[in-house]
């Protein structure tokens, strides 16, 4: 608990410094705060800080920071089982990241969105994202991501009742 209090005090100090001396650093400080609150299981606060970080990043034209903040927000919302909100955020994030053209980030966002679709039982949208993600992972030689996409594809096939295809993916 003492470590939490120390971290809290440091984050409050960092936020004050960012706001008064280095305004563009506020996106990073707020994102650290969001992660800190998430790990303390203070989910509402984590979402609030992630949204504030994304907003500040958008204001300062920090696309990468905005995408990271949106990822954190979506993870927290998923943890809370607020799947519709998480999917809405992930769709906005996917649009943003596709415009940036960062294929490795597209891959991560598509994987997160596919997982969210699996969680709500939308296997059609999940399968479409997984198909694209599998191809992209092969193209980028992103083997860890490829394994994740193949396993999720196996889960989709299994949930559809297609054990043979699921075994192929696994």
Protein backbone atom coordinates (compact mmCIF):
# COMPACT_ATOMS: atom_id res chain seq x y z
CA UNK A 1 0.00 0.00 0.00
CA UNK A 2 2.92 2.33 0.74
CA UNK A 3 4.21 1.78 -2.79
CA UNK A 4 0.81 2.77 -4.18
CA UNK A 5 0.87 5.95 -2.12
CA UNK A 6 4.40 6.75 -3.33
CA UNK A 7 3.44 6.11 -6.94
CA UNK A 8 0.31 8.19 -6.54
CA UNK A 9 2.31 11.11 -5.15
CA UNK A 10 4.85 10.85 -7.97
CA UNK A 11 2.12 10.80 -10.61
CA UNK A 12 0.41 13.84 -9.07
CA UNK A 13 3.74 15.67 -9.11
CA UNK A 14 4.46 14.57 -12.70
CA UNK A 15 1.03 15.78 -13.81
CA UNK A 16 1.61 19.20 -12.20
CA UNK A 17 5.02 19.49 -13.87
CA UNK A 18 3.62 18.48 -17.25
CA UNK A 19 0.74 20.91 -17.04
CA UNK A 20 2.92 23.85 -15.97
CA UNK A 21 6.22 23.27 -17.78
CA UNK A 22 5.91 20.58 -20.46
CA UNK A 23 2.29 20.49 -21.68
CA UNK A 24 2.94 17.95 -24.43
CA UNK A 25 4.15 15.44 -21.81
CA UNK A 26 0.69 15.31 -20.25
CA UNK A 27 -0.37 12.56 -22.65
CA UNK A 28 2.32 10.26 -21.31
CA UNK A 29 1.69 11.14 -17.66
CA UNK A 30 -2.04 10.52 -18.03
CA UNK A 31 -1.35 7.20 -19.76
CA UNK A 32 0.91 6.13 -16.87
CA UNK A 33 -1.88 7.14 -14.50
CA UNK A 34 -4.38 5.06 -16.49
CA UNK A 35 -2.11 2.00 -16.30
CA UNK A 36 -1.52 2.56 -12.59
CA UNK A 37 -5.26 2.75 -11.90
CA UNK A 38 -5.89 -0.33 -14.03
CA UNK A 39 -3.38 -2.36 -12.03
CA UNK A 40 -5.03 -1.15 -8.81
CA UNK A 41 -8.35 -2.33 -10.31
CA UNK A 42 -9.75 1.22 -10.21
CA UNK A 43 -11.32 0.72 -13.62
CA UNK A 44 -13.47 3.84 -13.83
CA UNK A 45 -10.44 5.99 -13.05
CA UNK A 46 -8.31 4.05 -15.53
CA UNK A 47 -10.83 4.68 -18.32
CA UNK A 48 -11.07 8.35 -17.36
CA UNK A 49 -7.30 8.82 -17.52
CA UNK A 50 -6.99 6.84 -20.76
CA UNK A 51 -9.64 9.04 -22.36
CA UNK A 52 -7.93 12.18 -21.08
CA UNK A 53 -4.61 10.96 -22.46
CA UNK A 54 -6.15 10.20 -25.86
CA UNK A 55 -7.80 13.61 -25.91
CA UNK A 56 -4.55 15.40 -25.07
CA UNK A 57 -2.68 13.35 -27.68
CA UNK A 58 -5.26 14.29 -30.30
CA UNK A 59 -4.94 17.96 -29.30
CA UNK A 60 -1.15 17.85 -29.68
CA UNK A 61 -1.16 15.75 -32.86
CA UNK A 62 0.50 12.77 -31.13
CA UNK A 63 -1.05 9.92 -33.11
CA UNK A 64 1.08 7.14 -31.60
CA UNK A 65 0.28 8.31 -28.06
CA UNK A 66 -3.41 8.56 -28.96
CA UNK A 67 -3.40 4.97 -30.23
CA UNK A 68 -1.66 3.75 -27.05
CA UNK A 69 -4.18 5.55 -24.85
CA UNK A 70 -7.06 4.07 -26.84
CA UNK A 71 -5.55 0.60 -26.44
CA UNK A 72 -5.38 1.06 -22.69
CA UNK A 73 -8.96 2.27 -22.59
CA UNK A 74 -10.18 -0.67 -24.66
CA UNK A 75 -8.32 -3.17 -22.45
CA UNK A 76 -9.89 -1.69 -19.31
CA UNK A 77 -13.36 -1.70 -20.88
CA UNK A 78 -12.91 -5.33 -21.94
CA UNK A 79 -11.77 -6.27 -18.44
CA UNK A 80 -14.99 -4.72 -17.14
CA UNK A 81 -16.96 -6.70 -19.75
CA UNK A 82 -18.13 -3.46 -21.40
CA UNK A 83 -17.64 -5.09 -24.77
CA UNK A 84 -19.77 -2.73 -26.84
CA UNK A 85 -17.84 0.30 -25.57
CA UNK A 86 -14.52 -1.49 -26.10
CA UNK A 87 -15.47 -2.42 -29.66
CA UNK A 88 -16.58 1.13 -30.45
CA UNK A 89 -13.25 2.43 -29.19
CA UNK A 90 -11.29 -0.25 -31.06
CA UNK A 91 -13.11 0.56 -34.31
CA UNK A 92 -12.17 4.25 -33.93
CA UNK A 93 -8.64 3.20 -33.11
CA UNK A 94 -8.47 0.91 -36.15
CA UNK A 95 -9.59 3.76 -38.40
CA UNK A 96 -6.90 6.01 -36.94
CA UNK A 97 -4.15 3.42 -37.21
CA UNK A 98 -5.08 2.47 -40.76
CA UNK A 99 -4.74 6.13 -41.75
CA UNK A 100 -1.27 6.17 -40.18
CA UNK A 101 -0.26 3.13 -42.24
CA UNK A 102 1.69 1.51 -39.37
CA UNK A 103 1.16 -2.14 -40.32
CA UNK A 104 2.56 -3.61 -37.09
CA UNK A 105 0.12 -1.47 -35.09
CA UNK A 106 -2.74 -2.37 -37.44
CA UNK A 107 -1.93 -5.98 -36.66
CA UNK A 108 -2.19 -5.43 -32.89
CA UNK A 109 -5.42 -3.44 -33.11
CA UNK A 110 -7.04 -6.00 -35.42
CA UNK A 111 -6.08 -8.75 -32.99
CA UNK A 112 -7.61 -6.89 -30.03
CA UNK A 113 -10.77 -6.15 -32.00
CA UNK A 114 -11.04 -9.76 -33.19
CA UNK A 115 -10.74 -10.94 -29.58
CA UNK A 116 -13.53 -8.54 -28.55
CA UNK A 117 -15.73 -9.89 -31.33
CA UNK A 118 -15.06 -13.46 -30.17
CA UNK A 119 -16.06 -12.48 -26.63
CA UNK A 120 -19.48 -11.25 -27.80
CA UNK A 121 -19.97 -14.15 -30.20
CA UNK A 122 -19.62 -12.13 -33.43
CA UNK A 123 -17.61 -14.84 -35.14
CA UNK A 124 -18.12 -13.45 -38.66
CA UNK A 125 -16.40 -10.13 -37.90
CA UNK A 126 -13.75 -11.90 -35.83
CA UNK A 127 -12.97 -14.33 -38.68
CA UNK A 128 -12.62 -11.50 -41.21
CA UNK A 129 -10.16 -9.62 -38.99
CA UNK A 130 -8.26 -12.81 -38.21
CA UNK A 131 -7.94 -13.69 -41.89
CA UNK A 132 -6.47 -10.28 -42.69
CA UNK A 133 -4.31 -10.32 -39.56
CA UNK A 134 -2.91 -13.76 -40.37
CA UNK A 135 -1.86 -12.58 -43.83
CA UNK A 136 -0.36 -9.39 -42.42
CA UNK A 137 1.52 -11.27 -39.68
CA UNK A 138 3.04 -13.57 -42.33
CA UNK A 139 4.01 -10.57 -44.46
CA UNK A 140 5.65 -8.83 -41.49
CA UNK A 141 7.24 -12.06 -40.20
CA UNK A 142 5.52 -11.30 -36.88
CA UNK A 143 5.59 -14.87 -35.62
CA UNK A 144 4.29 -14.19 -32.12
CA UNK A 145 1.29 -12.34 -33.56
CA UNK A 146 0.84 -15.08 -36.17
CA UNK A 147 0.57 -17.69 -33.41
CA UNK A 148 -2.02 -15.55 -31.63
CA UNK A 149 -4.05 -15.10 -34.83
CA UNK A 150 -3.92 -18.82 -35.65
CA UNK A 151 -5.02 -19.77 -32.14
CA UNK A 152 -7.90 -17.28 -32.25
CA UNK A 153 -8.87 -18.62 -35.68
CA UNK A 154 -8.92 -22.08 -34.13
CA UNK A 155 -11.18 -20.78 -31.38
CA UNK A 156 -13.56 -19.28 -33.95
CA UNK A 157 -13.71 -22.55 -35.89
CA UNK A 158 -14.28 -24.53 -32.67
CA UNK A 159 -17.07 -22.16 -31.59
CA UNK A 160 -18.67 -22.66 -35.01
CA UNK A 161 -18.58 -26.41 -34.38
CA UNK A 162 -15.90 -27.09 -37.04
CA UNK A 163 -13.44 -29.24 -35.11
CA UNK A 164 -11.41 -30.24 -38.15
CA UNK A 165 -10.70 -26.64 -39.15
CA UNK A 166 -10.02 -25.73 -35.52
CA UNK A 167 -7.45 -28.55 -35.30
CA UNK A 168 -5.83 -27.28 -38.52
CA UNK A 169 -5.39 -23.80 -37.02
CA UNK A 170 -4.18 -25.07 -33.66
